[in-house]
N, C-alpha and C. Protein backbone atom coordinates (compact mmCIF):
# COMPACT_ATOMS: atom_id res chain seq x y z
N UNK A 1 -20.12 6.47 -23.09
CA UNK A 1 -18.83 7.67 -22.87
C UNK A 1 -17.89 6.82 -23.87
N UNK A 2 -17.31 7.94 -24.31
CA UNK A 2 -16.00 7.56 -25.52
C UNK A 2 -14.42 7.26 -24.78
N UNK A 3 -14.05 6.08 -25.68
CA UNK A 3 -12.90 5.78 -25.06
C UNK A 3 -11.93 6.72 -24.29
N UNK A 4 -11.65 8.13 -24.75
CA UNK A 4 -10.86 9.28 -24.53
C UNK A 4 -11.35 9.39 -23.53
N UNK A 5 -12.52 9.85 -23.51
CA UNK A 5 -13.11 10.11 -21.59
C UNK A 5 -13.11 9.51 -20.62
N UNK A 6 -13.10 7.89 -21.04
CA UNK A 6 -12.78 6.66 -20.04
C UNK A 6 -11.57 7.12 -19.75
N UNK A 7 -10.33 7.03 -20.66
CA UNK A 7 -8.96 6.98 -20.29
C UNK A 7 -8.54 8.31 -19.42
N UNK A 8 -9.45 9.25 -19.80
CA UNK A 8 -9.13 10.60 -18.95
C UNK A 8 -9.36 10.62 -17.54
N UNK A 9 -10.78 10.05 -17.52
CA UNK A 9 -11.33 9.82 -16.01
C UNK A 9 -10.58 8.54 -15.27
N UNK A 10 -10.25 7.77 -16.12
CA UNK A 10 -9.26 6.82 -15.04
C UNK A 10 -7.69 6.96 -14.60
N UNK A 11 -7.14 8.01 -15.35
CA UNK A 11 -6.22 8.55 -15.07
C UNK A 11 -6.13 9.60 -14.07
N UNK A 12 -7.17 10.27 -14.12
CA UNK A 12 -7.59 11.50 -13.20
C UNK A 12 -7.79 10.62 -11.54
N UNK A 13 -8.31 9.27 -11.82
CA UNK A 13 -8.55 8.00 -10.55
C UNK A 13 -7.39 8.08 -10.08
N UNK A 14 -6.76 7.66 -10.79
CA UNK A 14 -5.22 6.92 -10.96
C UNK A 14 -4.43 8.13 -9.83
N UNK A 15 -4.53 9.31 -10.09
CA UNK A 15 -3.83 10.43 -9.77
C UNK A 15 -4.43 11.03 -8.20
N UNK A 16 -5.53 10.90 -7.90
CA UNK A 16 -6.51 10.95 -6.84
C UNK A 16 -5.68 9.63 -5.76
N UNK A 17 -5.69 8.30 -6.35
CA UNK A 17 -5.41 7.25 -5.26
C UNK A 17 -3.69 7.43 -4.86
N UNK A 18 -2.58 8.12 -5.96
CA UNK A 18 -1.53 8.63 -5.74
C UNK A 18 -1.47 9.52 -4.50
N UNK A 19 -2.48 10.58 -4.67
CA UNK A 19 -2.20 11.33 -3.62
C UNK A 19 -2.48 10.62 -2.02
N UNK A 20 -3.31 9.70 -1.89
CA UNK A 20 -3.60 8.89 -0.95
C UNK A 20 -2.30 8.43 -0.45
N UNK A 21 -1.14 8.02 -0.86
CA UNK A 21 -0.23 7.45 -0.54
C UNK A 21 1.00 8.35 0.39
N UNK A 22 0.42 9.77 0.14
CA UNK A 22 1.37 11.16 0.57
C UNK A 22 0.73 11.65 1.59
N UNK A 23 -0.56 11.10 2.40
CA UNK A 23 -1.05 11.52 3.39
C UNK A 23 -1.55 10.26 4.46
N UNK A 24 -1.25 10.42 5.43
CA UNK A 24 -2.11 9.49 6.39
C UNK A 24 -0.69 9.04 6.82
N UNK A 25 -1.05 7.61 7.85
CA UNK A 25 0.00 7.08 8.50
C UNK A 25 0.72 5.60 7.87
N UNK A 26 1.71 5.12 8.50
CA UNK A 26 2.17 4.11 7.44
C UNK A 26 0.91 2.80 7.54
N UNK A 27 0.29 2.62 8.63
CA UNK A 27 -1.13 1.91 8.87
C UNK A 27 -1.65 1.83 7.62
N UNK A 28 -2.40 3.34 7.66
CA UNK A 28 -2.84 3.83 6.65
C UNK A 28 -2.59 3.33 5.20
N UNK A 29 -1.51 3.93 4.51
CA UNK A 29 -1.05 3.29 3.61
C UNK A 29 -0.43 1.71 3.39
N UNK A 30 -0.93 1.22 4.35
CA UNK A 30 -1.00 -0.38 4.06
C UNK A 30 -2.17 -0.94 4.08
N UNK A 31 -3.12 -0.18 4.20
CA UNK A 31 -4.41 -0.61 4.42
C UNK A 31 -4.53 -0.24 2.78
N UNK A 32 -4.07 0.54 2.47
CA UNK A 32 -4.24 1.22 0.63
C UNK A 32 -3.81 0.34 0.16
N UNK A 33 -2.86 -0.32 0.81
CA UNK A 33 -2.01 -1.46 -0.34
C UNK A 33 -2.68 -2.58 -0.90
N UNK A 34 -3.23 -3.11 0.89
CA UNK A 34 -3.79 -4.42 1.13
C UNK A 34 -5.41 -4.12 0.24
N UNK A 35 -5.83 -2.62 0.08
CA UNK A 35 -7.28 -2.96 -0.33
C UNK A 35 -6.77 -2.85 -2.05
N UNK A 36 -6.19 -2.01 -2.50
CA UNK A 36 -5.49 -2.19 -3.99
C UNK A 36 -5.07 -3.90 -4.60
N UNK A 37 -4.66 -4.37 -4.03
CA UNK A 37 -4.26 -5.66 -4.12
C UNK A 37 -5.28 -6.61 -4.14
N UNK A 38 -6.48 -6.53 -3.08
CA UNK A 38 -7.80 -7.08 -3.34
C UNK A 38 -8.19 -6.77 -4.58
N UNK A 39 -8.60 -5.81 -5.02
CA UNK A 39 -9.07 -5.15 -6.00
C UNK A 39 -8.42 -5.64 -7.70
N UNK A 40 -7.20 -6.13 -7.02
CA UNK A 40 -6.26 -6.46 -8.19
C UNK A 40 -5.95 -5.32 -9.23
N UNK A 41 -5.91 -4.03 -8.71
CA UNK A 41 -5.12 -2.92 -9.40
C UNK A 41 -3.98 -2.06 -9.15
N UNK A 42 -3.25 -3.31 -8.21
CA UNK A 42 -2.06 -2.90 -7.30
C UNK A 42 -0.96 -2.51 -8.74
N UNK A 43 -1.19 -3.24 -9.59
CA UNK A 43 -0.04 -2.83 -10.59
C UNK A 43 -0.05 -1.78 -11.47
N UNK A 44 -0.70 -0.96 -10.74
CA UNK A 44 -0.76 0.51 -11.46
C UNK A 44 -0.31 1.33 -10.93
N UNK A 45 -0.10 0.89 -9.27
CA UNK A 45 0.71 1.85 -8.44
C UNK A 45 2.13 1.21 -7.93
N UNK A 46 2.49 0.35 -8.65
CA UNK A 46 3.65 -0.48 -8.55
C UNK A 46 4.83 0.24 -7.40
N UNK A 47 5.05 1.73 -8.14
CA UNK A 47 6.35 2.55 -7.70
C UNK A 47 5.66 2.76 -6.22
N UNK A 48 4.66 3.73 -6.37
CA UNK A 48 4.17 4.31 -4.83
C UNK A 48 3.89 2.97 -3.80
N UNK A 49 3.65 1.43 -4.18
CA UNK A 49 3.24 0.60 -3.34
C UNK A 49 4.69 0.29 -2.85
N UNK A 50 5.84 0.14 -3.62
CA UNK A 50 7.21 -0.25 -3.50
C UNK A 50 8.05 0.65 -2.25
N UNK A 51 7.50 1.96 -2.73
CA UNK A 51 8.25 2.69 -1.55
C UNK A 51 7.29 2.59 -0.41
N UNK A 52 6.54 2.29 -0.51
CA UNK A 52 5.56 2.46 0.92
C UNK A 52 5.95 1.48 1.67
N UNK A 53 6.17 0.22 0.75
CA UNK A 53 7.13 -1.20 1.61
C UNK A 53 8.05 -1.13 2.02
N UNK A 54 9.06 -0.38 1.04
CA UNK A 54 10.51 0.25 1.56
C UNK A 54 10.05 0.63 2.71
N UNK A 55 9.08 1.79 3.21
CA UNK A 55 9.26 2.84 4.11
C UNK A 55 8.91 1.80 5.60
N UNK A 56 8.05 0.98 5.36
CA UNK A 56 7.11 0.26 6.45
C UNK A 56 8.68 -0.88 6.86
N UNK A 57 9.08 -1.06 6.01
CA UNK A 57 10.11 -2.26 6.22
C UNK A 57 11.76 -1.65 7.27
N UNK A 58 11.85 -0.62 6.48
CA UNK A 58 13.48 0.05 6.67
C UNK A 58 12.57 1.04 8.66
N UNK A 59 11.78 1.44 8.48
CA UNK A 59 11.16 2.68 9.60
C UNK A 59 10.82 1.53 11.23
N UNK A 60 10.78 2.02 12.35
CA UNK A 60 10.66 1.32 13.44
C UNK A 60 8.88 1.54 13.30
N UNK A 61 8.42 0.64 14.03
CA UNK A 61 7.10 0.01 13.75
C UNK A 61 6.34 -0.41 15.24
N UNK A 62 5.65 0.65 15.76
CA UNK A 62 5.03 0.27 16.85
C UNK A 62 3.46 0.49 16.94
N UNK A 63 3.08 -0.51 17.27
CA UNK A 63 1.57 -0.34 17.34
C UNK A 63 1.06 -0.99 18.43
N UNK A 64 0.19 -0.73 19.18
CA UNK A 64 -0.72 -2.27 20.08
C UNK A 64 -1.69 -2.92 19.26
N UNK A 65 -1.99 -2.67 18.33
CA UNK A 65 -3.26 -3.55 17.36
C UNK A 65 -2.45 -4.54 16.93
N UNK A 66 -2.82 -5.53 17.12
CA UNK A 66 -2.49 -6.99 16.25
C UNK A 66 -3.21 -6.96 15.10
N UNK A 67 -3.87 -6.06 14.39
CA UNK A 67 -4.51 -5.79 12.81
C UNK A 67 -3.23 -5.67 12.44
N UNK A 68 -2.60 -4.27 12.84
CA UNK A 68 -1.87 -3.54 12.28
C UNK A 68 -0.67 -4.45 12.07
N UNK A 69 -0.20 -4.75 12.80
CA UNK A 69 1.16 -5.56 13.17
C UNK A 69 1.07 -6.71 12.39
N UNK A 70 0.01 -7.54 12.23
CA UNK A 70 -0.15 -8.43 11.29
C UNK A 70 -0.07 -8.29 9.76
N UNK A 71 -0.93 -6.94 9.75
CA UNK A 71 -1.53 -6.33 8.20
C UNK A 71 0.45 -6.19 7.56
N UNK A 72 1.01 -5.40 8.55
CA UNK A 72 2.55 -5.08 8.10
C UNK A 72 3.12 -6.53 7.87
N UNK A 73 3.25 -7.55 8.99
CA UNK A 73 3.67 -8.76 8.64
C UNK A 73 3.56 -9.53 7.10
N UNK A 74 2.16 -9.28 7.04
CA UNK A 74 1.52 -10.16 5.78
C UNK A 74 2.26 -9.57 4.85
N UNK A 75 1.78 -8.22 4.35
CA UNK A 75 2.03 -7.94 3.07
C UNK A 75 3.33 -7.78 2.91
N UNK A 76 4.30 -7.29 3.56
CA UNK A 76 5.58 -7.47 3.62
C UNK A 76 6.38 -8.85 2.88
N UNK A 77 6.06 -9.71 3.78
CA UNK A 77 6.41 -10.86 3.42
C UNK A 77 6.09 -11.28 2.39
N UNK A 78 4.60 -11.41 1.99
CA UNK A 78 4.40 -11.30 0.46
C UNK A 78 4.80 -11.01 -0.77
N UNK A 79 5.69 -9.72 -0.53
CA UNK A 79 6.38 -9.11 -1.24
C UNK A 79 7.58 -9.60 -1.40
N UNK A 80 8.31 -10.19 -0.54
CA UNK A 80 9.46 -10.82 -0.55
C UNK A 80 10.51 -9.90 0.69
N UNK A 81 9.85 -8.89 1.47
CA UNK A 81 10.59 -8.63 2.24
C UNK A 81 10.72 -9.75 3.97
N UNK A 82 11.88 -9.63 4.10
CA UNK A 82 12.34 -10.26 5.57
C UNK A 82 11.34 -9.78 6.77
N UNK A 83 10.89 -10.38 7.35
CA UNK A 83 10.38 -9.64 8.98
C UNK A 83 10.53 -10.83 9.46
N UNK A 84 10.89 -10.48 11.09
CA UNK A 84 10.74 -11.26 11.88
C UNK A 84 9.79 -11.53 12.37
N UNK A 85 9.46 -13.02 12.77
CA UNK A 85 8.16 -13.66 13.40
C UNK A 85 8.42 -13.54 14.61
N UNK A 86 9.48 -13.08 15.16
CA UNK A 86 9.22 -12.79 17.09
C UNK A 86 9.23 -11.37 17.33
N UNK A 87 8.77 -11.28 18.45
CA UNK A 87 8.75 -10.27 19.39
C UNK A 87 9.82 -9.48 19.44
N UNK A 88 10.11 -8.48 19.47
CA UNK A 88 11.22 -7.44 19.90
C UNK A 88 10.85 -6.48 21.27
């Protein structure tokens, strides 16, 4: 595969991932952020991740799933957002 073709394919895949940010719930978006961070490719999606985190921080978050609550808490805290450890 030529370098030009690999760059083109890489850009296509990035666009598909960016599209994933626009659909789904905030929990699905946080799972996507978590996955991108684990794969160490989150730097390619800095703007979308920042936008998602700001939405997750500013918006009301109600979930009965401990996993979802902990995911939101961990990701926001890791990125420097203040999140109360208490129950509201």
